[in-house]
Amino acid sequence: MAQACSMVYITAKDMNEASRIARHLVEKRLVACANIFQVRSIYPWRGKVEEGDEVAIIMKTRSSMVDDVIREARKVHSYEVPCIVSYKMEKGFKGYLDWIISETGSQAQQPLKPAKS
């Protein structure tokens, strides 16, 4: 049976923080890919309705690694109560799902080197 994959959704305060979180998780081989985009959020916080810009990250990983992703993301996130949730992928293109598996975990090829800017 093929290994299951999941998506992890995180919101961050700005593009810099989102990029830092995503890069950290990709370099540790905890996620294979991260998509980052601007969002507008409305939510209750400490007795008031807050509204503001945030940045969302959607990451792809093995379902078996979700707890590690959450734990590691929490270490580098600035929010007191960050949105870090996961969703199981029910179906998908087999080649892409296989790629997620091959790029995450201890059997992923060699450690990644940061890209030069």
C-alpha atoms as a PDB file:
ATOM      1  CA  MET A   1       0.000   0.000   0.000  1.00  0.00           C
ATOM      2  CA  ALA A   2       1.315   3.447  -0.900  1.00  0.00           C
ATOM      3  CA  GLN A   3       2.194   5.870   1.851  1.00  0.00           C
ATOM      4  CA  ALA A   4      -0.422   8.523   2.594  1.00  0.00           C
ATOM      5  CA  CYS A   5       0.253  12.208   1.994  1.00  0.00           C
ATOM      6  CA  SER A   6      -1.157  15.282   3.718  1.00  0.00           C
ATOM      7  CA  MET A   7      -1.241  19.028   3.285  1.00  0.00           C
ATOM      8  CA  VAL A   8      -0.311  21.304   6.172  1.00  0.00           C
ATOM      9  CA  TYR A   9      -1.841  24.789   6.244  1.00  0.00           C
ATOM     10  CA  ILE A  10      -0.192  27.563   8.260  1.00  0.00           C
ATOM     11  CA  THR A  11      -0.810  31.304   8.466  1.00  0.00           C
ATOM     12  CA  ALA A  12       2.007  33.723   9.263  1.00  0.00           C
ATOM     13  CA  LYS A  13       2.246  37.459   9.980  1.00  0.00           C
ATOM     14  CA  ASP A  14       4.073  38.380   6.772  1.00  0.00           C
ATOM     15  CA  MET A  15       5.920  37.068   3.727  1.00  0.00           C
ATOM     16  CA  ASN A  16       9.288  37.029   5.521  1.00  0.00           C
ATOM     17  CA  GLU A  17       8.019  34.832   8.330  1.00  0.00           C
ATOM     18  CA  ALA A  18       6.152  32.529   5.926  1.00  0.00           C
ATOM     19  CA  SER A  19       9.254  32.099   3.776  1.00  0.00           C
ATOM     20  CA  ARG A  20      11.406  31.440   6.840  1.00  0.00           C
ATOM     21  CA  ILE A  21       9.003  28.771   8.144  1.00  0.00           C
ATOM     22  CA  ALA A  22       8.628  27.111   4.731  1.00  0.00           C
ATOM     23  CA  ARG A  23      12.359  27.097   3.980  1.00  0.00           C
ATOM     24  CA  HIS A  24      13.116  25.689   7.442  1.00  0.00           C
ATOM     25  CA  LEU A  25      10.703  22.785   6.907  1.00  0.00           C
ATOM     26  CA  VAL A  26      11.846  22.063   3.337  1.00  0.00           C
ATOM     27  CA  GLU A  27      15.529  22.112   4.329  1.00  0.00           C
ATOM     28  CA  LYS A  28      14.798  19.659   7.168  1.00  0.00           C
ATOM     29  CA  ARG A  29      13.049  17.371   4.613  1.00  0.00           C
ATOM     30  CA  LEU A  30       9.836  17.557   6.627  1.00  0.00           C
ATOM     31  CA  VAL A  31       7.868  18.926   3.655  1.00  0.00           C
ATOM     32  CA  ALA A  32       8.438  18.510  -0.068  1.00  0.00           C
ATOM     33  CA  CYS A  33       6.884  21.760  -1.241  1.00  0.00           C
ATOM     34  CA  ALA A  34       5.423  25.001   0.114  1.00  0.00           C
ATOM     35  CA  ASN A  35       3.085  27.419  -1.655  1.00  0.00           C
ATOM     36  CA  ILE A  36       2.931  30.890  -0.128  1.00  0.00           C
ATOM     37  CA  PHE A  37       0.267  33.526  -0.811  1.00  0.00           C
ATOM     38  CA  GLN A  38      -1.375  36.620   0.710  1.00  0.00           C
ATOM     39  CA  VAL A  39      -4.717  36.239   2.525  1.00  0.00           C
ATOM     40  CA  ARG A  40      -7.090  38.502   4.457  1.00  0.00           C
ATOM     41  CA  SER A  41      -8.139  37.091   7.832  1.00  0.00           C
ATOM     42  CA  ILE A  42     -11.052  37.987  10.130  1.00  0.00           C
ATOM     43  CA  TYR A  43     -11.157  36.360  13.568  1.00  0.00           C
ATOM     44  CA  PRO A  44     -12.053  37.011  17.221  1.00  0.00           C
ATOM     45  CA  TRP A  45      -9.073  37.674  19.502  1.00  0.00           C
ATOM     46  CA  ARG A  46      -9.182  38.760  23.126  1.00  0.00           C
ATOM     47  CA  GLY A  47     -12.736  40.085  22.979  1.00  0.00           C
ATOM     48  CA  LYS A  48     -12.438  41.950  19.665  1.00  0.00           C
ATOM     49  CA  VAL A  49     -12.954  41.120  16.019  1.00  0.00           C
ATOM     50  CA  GLU A  50      -9.594  41.463  14.283  1.00  0.00           C
ATOM     51  CA  GLU A  51      -9.081  41.864  10.544  1.00  0.00           C
ATOM     52  CA  GLY A  52      -5.778  42.006   8.748  1.00  0.00           C
ATOM     53  CA  ASP A  53      -3.427  40.742   6.122  1.00  0.00           C
ATOM     54  CA  GLU A  54      -1.614  37.474   6.699  1.00  0.00           C
ATOM     55  CA  VAL A  55       0.320  35.041   4.560  1.00  0.00           C
ATOM     56  CA  ALA A  56      -0.826  31.448   4.095  1.00  0.00           C
ATOM     57  CA  ILE A  57       1.443  28.479   3.484  1.00  0.00           C
ATOM     58  CA  ILE A  58       0.227  25.194   2.027  1.00  0.00           C
ATOM     59  CA  MET A  59       2.806  22.434   2.372  1.00  0.00           C
ATOM     60  CA  LYS A  60       2.853  18.831   1.197  1.00  0.00           C
ATOM     61  CA  THR A  61       4.274  15.997   3.274  1.00  0.00           C
ATOM     62  CA  ARG A  62       3.822  12.392   4.338  1.00  0.00           C
ATOM     63  CA  SER A  63       0.893  11.872   6.702  1.00  0.00           C
ATOM     64  CA  SER A  64       3.262  10.081   9.060  1.00  0.00           C
ATOM     65  CA  MET A  65       5.345  13.275   9.375  1.00  0.00           C
ATOM     66  CA  VAL A  66       2.543  15.744  10.169  1.00  0.00           C
ATOM     67  CA  ASP A  67       3.231  15.746  13.922  1.00  0.00           C
ATOM     68  CA  ASP A  68       6.905  16.519  13.242  1.00  0.00           C
ATOM     69  CA  VAL A  69       5.938  19.332  10.850  1.00  0.00           C
ATOM     70  CA  ILE A  70       3.598  20.859  13.436  1.00  0.00           C
ATOM     71  CA  ARG A  71       6.179  20.600  16.210  1.00  0.00           C
ATOM     72  CA  GLU A  72       8.982  22.099  14.098  1.00  0.00           C
ATOM     73  CA  ALA A  73       6.780  24.874  12.657  1.00  0.00           C
ATOM     74  CA  ARG A  74       5.687  25.848  16.168  1.00  0.00           C
ATOM     75  CA  LYS A  75       9.339  26.297  17.191  1.00  0.00           C
ATOM     76  CA  VAL A  76       9.936  28.995  14.555  1.00  0.00           C
ATOM     77  CA  HIS A  77       6.484  30.668  14.463  1.00  0.00           C
ATOM     78  CA  SER A  78       5.950  34.057  16.118  1.00  0.00           C
ATOM     79  CA  TYR A  79       2.218  33.735  16.912  1.00  0.00           C
ATOM     80  CA  GLU A  80       1.037  32.829  20.405  1.00  0.00           C
ATOM     81  CA  VAL A  81      -1.652  30.559  18.904  1.00  0.00           C
ATOM     82  CA  PRO A  82      -0.648  29.869  15.285  1.00  0.00           C
ATOM     83  CA  CYS A  83      -2.951  28.253  12.751  1.00  0.00           C
ATOM     84  CA  ILE A  84      -1.167  24.992  11.940  1.00  0.00           C
ATOM     85  CA  VAL A  85      -3.555  22.317  10.665  1.00  0.00           C
ATOM     86  CA  SER A  86      -3.372  19.333   8.348  1.00  0.00           C
ATOM     87  CA  TYR A  87      -5.627  17.703   5.782  1.00  0.00           C
ATOM     88  CA  LYS A  88      -5.180  14.204   4.366  1.00  0.00           C
ATOM     89  CA  MET A  89      -4.933  13.959   0.609  1.00  0.00           C
ATOM     90  CA  GLU A  90      -7.615  11.544  -0.500  1.00  0.00           C
ATOM     91  CA  LYS A  91      -6.408  11.187  -4.092  1.00  0.00           C
ATOM     92  CA  GLY A  92      -3.840  12.704  -6.402  1.00  0.00           C
ATOM     93  CA  PHE A  93      -1.575  12.222  -9.378  1.00  0.00           C
ATOM     94  CA  LYS A  94       0.587   9.209  -8.447  1.00  0.00           C
ATOM     95  CA  GLY A  95       3.773  10.743  -9.843  1.00  0.00           C
ATOM     96  CA  TYR A  96       3.361  13.818  -7.636  1.00  0.00           C
ATOM     97  CA  LEU A  97       2.491  11.807  -4.532  1.00  0.00           C
ATOM     98  CA  ASP A  98       5.528   9.580  -5.144  1.00  0.00           C
ATOM     99  CA  TRP A  99       7.669  12.728  -5.445  1.00  0.00           C
ATOM    100  CA  ILE A 100       6.392  13.983  -2.054  1.00  0.00           C
ATOM    101  CA  ILE A 101       7.422  10.662  -0.493  1.00  0.00           C
ATOM    102  CA  SER A 102      10.835  10.684  -2.200  1.00  0.00           C
ATOM    103  CA  GLU A 103      11.638  14.242  -1.036  1.00  0.00           C
ATOM    104  CA  THR A 104      10.676  13.851   2.623  1.00  0.00           C
ATOM    105  CA  GLY A 105      11.890  11.767   5.514  1.00  0.00           C
ATOM    106  CA  SER A 106      15.105   9.996   6.346  1.00  0.00           C
ATOM    107  CA  GLN A 107      15.413   8.164   3.026  1.00  0.00           C
ATOM    108  CA  ALA A 108      15.252  11.418   1.025  1.00  0.00           C
ATOM    109  CA  GLN A 109      18.449  11.742  -0.943  1.00  0.00           C
ATOM    110  CA  GLN A 110      21.129  14.003   0.482  1.00  0.00           C
ATOM    111  CA  PRO A 111      20.551  17.024   2.727  1.00  0.00           C
ATOM    112  CA  LEU A 112      19.466  20.130   0.895  1.00  0.00           C
ATOM    113  CA  LYS A 113      21.674  23.178   0.538  1.00  0.00           C
ATOM    114  CA  PRO A 114      20.063  26.630   0.666  1.00  0.00           C
ATOM    115  CA  ALA A 115      19.695  28.276  -2.739  1.00  0.00           C
ATOM    116  CA  LYS A 116      21.939  31.231  -3.403  1.00  0.00           C
ATOM    117  CA  SER A 117      20.023  34.493  -3.628  1.00  0.00           C
END
